[in-house]
Protein backbone atom coordinates (compact mmCIF):
# COMPACT_ATOMS: atom_id res chain seq x y z
CA MET A 1 -44.55 51.04 152.27
CA ARG A 2 -44.44 47.29 153.20
CA GLN A 3 -41.52 44.92 152.77
CA LEU A 4 -42.12 41.31 151.00
CA THR A 5 -39.79 38.53 151.66
CA VAL A 6 -39.81 35.64 149.26
CA LEU A 7 -38.41 32.29 150.39
CA PRO A 8 -36.31 30.43 149.96
CA VAL A 9 -34.41 32.59 147.93
CA GLY A 10 -34.83 35.65 150.68
CA VAL A 11 -35.44 38.24 147.90
CA SER A 12 -36.86 41.24 149.78
CA LEU A 13 -38.69 44.00 147.67
CA PRO A 14 -41.21 46.87 148.53
CA VAL A 15 -45.04 46.44 148.27
CA GLY A 16 -47.08 49.67 147.70
CA ASP A 17 -50.17 50.57 149.61
CA GLY A 18 -53.04 48.48 148.26
CA GLU A 19 -50.80 46.24 145.95
CA THR A 20 -50.98 42.62 145.86
CA ILE A 21 -48.18 40.16 146.64
CA LEU A 22 -48.00 39.26 142.96
CA GLY A 23 -48.35 42.84 141.54
CA ALA A 24 -45.38 43.88 143.75
CA MET A 25 -43.43 41.05 142.58
CA VAL A 26 -44.01 41.77 138.96
CA ARG A 27 -43.73 45.38 139.09
CA SER A 28 -39.96 44.30 140.73
CA GLY A 29 -39.44 42.51 137.88
CA PHE A 30 -39.65 38.87 139.34
CA LEU A 31 -41.86 35.98 138.07
CA TYR A 32 -43.11 32.87 138.92
CA ARG A 33 -45.73 30.54 138.25
CA PHE A 34 -48.98 32.13 137.85
CA GLY A 35 -52.20 31.83 135.99
CA CYS A 36 -55.44 34.41 135.50
CA ARG A 37 -54.41 37.18 137.88
CA ARG A 38 -57.62 37.26 139.35
CA GLY A 39 -58.28 34.57 141.75
CA GLY A 40 -60.11 32.04 139.73
CA CYS A 41 -57.68 29.30 139.12
CA GLY A 42 -55.47 29.08 142.28
CA VAL A 43 -52.11 28.58 140.33
CA CYS A 44 -50.26 31.39 142.12
CA LYS A 45 -50.89 29.93 145.66
CA VAL A 46 -48.17 30.73 148.06
CA HIS A 47 -47.55 29.83 151.80
CA LEU A 48 -47.86 32.84 154.21
CA VAL A 49 -44.83 32.45 156.64
CA ALA A 50 -45.05 35.75 158.46
CA GLY A 51 -47.33 38.72 158.38
CA GLU A 52 -50.80 39.51 157.54
CA VAL A 53 -52.84 39.87 154.38
CA ARG A 54 -56.50 40.99 153.48
CA TYR A 55 -58.56 40.14 150.55
CA GLU A 56 -60.34 43.22 148.85
CA ARG A 57 -62.75 40.77 146.69
CA PRO A 58 -64.20 37.65 148.06
CA VAL A 59 -62.28 34.14 146.98
CA ALA A 60 -63.90 31.41 146.22
CA ALA A 61 -63.71 28.02 148.69
CA ALA A 62 -63.15 26.32 145.66
CA VAL A 63 -59.91 28.22 144.79
CA LEU A 64 -58.85 28.65 148.16
CA SER A 65 -60.26 26.42 151.07
CA ASP A 66 -60.67 27.23 154.61
CA ALA A 67 -58.19 24.35 155.30
CA GLU A 68 -55.68 25.85 153.46
CA ARG A 69 -56.28 29.33 154.63
CA ALA A 70 -55.59 27.75 158.07
CA ALA A 71 -52.50 26.08 157.11
CA GLY A 72 -51.27 29.64 155.91
CA VAL A 73 -51.84 29.60 152.11
CA CYS A 74 -52.79 32.56 150.34
CA LEU A 75 -53.80 33.68 146.73
CA SER A 76 -50.95 35.84 145.72
CA CYS A 77 -52.60 37.59 142.89
CA ARG A 78 -55.63 38.96 145.66
CA ALA A 79 -53.39 38.95 148.45
CA VAL A 80 -52.76 42.49 149.85
CA PRO A 81 -50.41 42.62 152.85
CA LEU A 82 -51.13 44.55 155.75
CA THR A 83 -47.75 44.05 157.14
CA ASP A 84 -44.47 42.87 156.31
CA VAL A 85 -44.70 39.59 154.93
CA VAL A 86 -42.55 36.59 154.21
CA ILE A 87 -44.04 34.17 151.70
CA GLU A 88 -42.74 30.64 150.39
CA LEU A 89 -43.35 29.43 146.89
CA GLN A 90 -44.96 26.47 146.23
CA GLU A 91 -43.04 23.00 146.05
CA GLY A 92 -41.41 23.09 142.22
CA ASP A 93 -41.85 26.76 141.94
CA ARG A 94 -38.99 29.09 141.11
CA LEU A 95 -38.46 32.66 141.44
CA ILE A 96 -37.40 34.13 137.86
CA LEU A 97 -35.71 37.63 137.83
CA ALA A 98 -36.98 38.62 134.39
CA SER A 99 -36.31 42.42 134.45
CA PRO A 100 -32.99 43.65 136.40
CA LEU A 101 -34.08 47.29 135.36
CA LEU A 102 -37.37 46.88 136.86
CA ARG A 103 -35.81 45.39 140.33
CA ASP A 104 -33.43 48.47 140.30
CA ALA A 105 -36.20 50.89 139.52
CA ALA A 106 -38.16 49.32 142.70
CA LYS A 107 -35.28 49.54 144.95
CA ARG A 108 -34.98 53.35 144.12
CA ALA A 109 -38.66 54.15 144.12
CA ALA A 110 -38.66 52.55 147.68
CA LEU A 111 -35.48 54.18 149.10
CA ARG A 112 -37.10 57.83 148.13
CA LYS A 113 -40.12 56.93 149.67
CA SER A 114 -38.61 56.35 152.78
CA GLY A 115 -36.55 59.37 152.51
CA ASP A 116 -33.15 57.86 152.65
CA SER A 117 -30.64 60.08 151.44
CA ALA A 118 -28.79 57.49 149.30
CA THR A 119 -30.92 57.64 146.47
CA ARG A 120 -28.57 59.44 144.40
CA PRO A 121 -28.21 57.92 141.33
CA GLY A 122 -24.94 55.76 140.85
CA PRO A 123 -23.03 55.35 137.61
CA GLY A 124 -24.94 54.89 134.24
CA GLU A 125 -28.33 55.53 136.71
CA GLY A 126 -30.62 58.23 136.02
CA ALA A 127 -29.36 58.71 132.43
CA ARG A 128 -32.47 59.75 130.09
CA ARG A 129 -32.58 59.61 126.50
CA PRO A 130 -33.39 63.18 124.88
CA PRO A 131 -37.16 63.65 124.13
CA GLY A 132 -38.08 62.32 120.58
CA ARG A 133 -35.06 60.27 120.21
CA PRO A 134 -35.41 56.56 119.65
CA LEU A 135 -34.19 53.80 121.40
CA GLY A 136 -31.70 51.28 120.25
CA HIS A 137 -28.78 52.55 117.69
CA GLN A 138 -28.51 55.74 117.51
CA GLY A 139 -25.46 56.10 114.77
CA GLY A 140 -25.71 56.49 110.98
CA ALA A 141 -27.50 54.53 108.40
CA ALA A 142 -27.05 51.03 108.08
CA ARG A 143 -25.68 49.93 104.87
């Protein structure tokens, strides 16, 4: 499992095999500005500060030019890390933690995959609702 570090905030998160940078960020509960999610608009461009990525499908030169590639720009919706990577968001973009629950679940899953013994649930973690029970209010009928 590879690590993705997002600058300027310094957030690190796991990237699964074959997973894109954008996919890993969304799965981990983080959002930032992106558009089509398929490499056609270029809104999700980020600067690759360190590491190496590949594109499993061709990326049009109109979306990501050779000059941009040479300068370290990549499309996060298509870029699959081959190594640990460090990216920097575009000027004006900001990283938003949209779902702390997803972030915490991604961290626990990465620890389990690495074989770390510190993956035992802490207080409040690992609790599950009984099968067939709805989420939300469990009390009596509303009056």
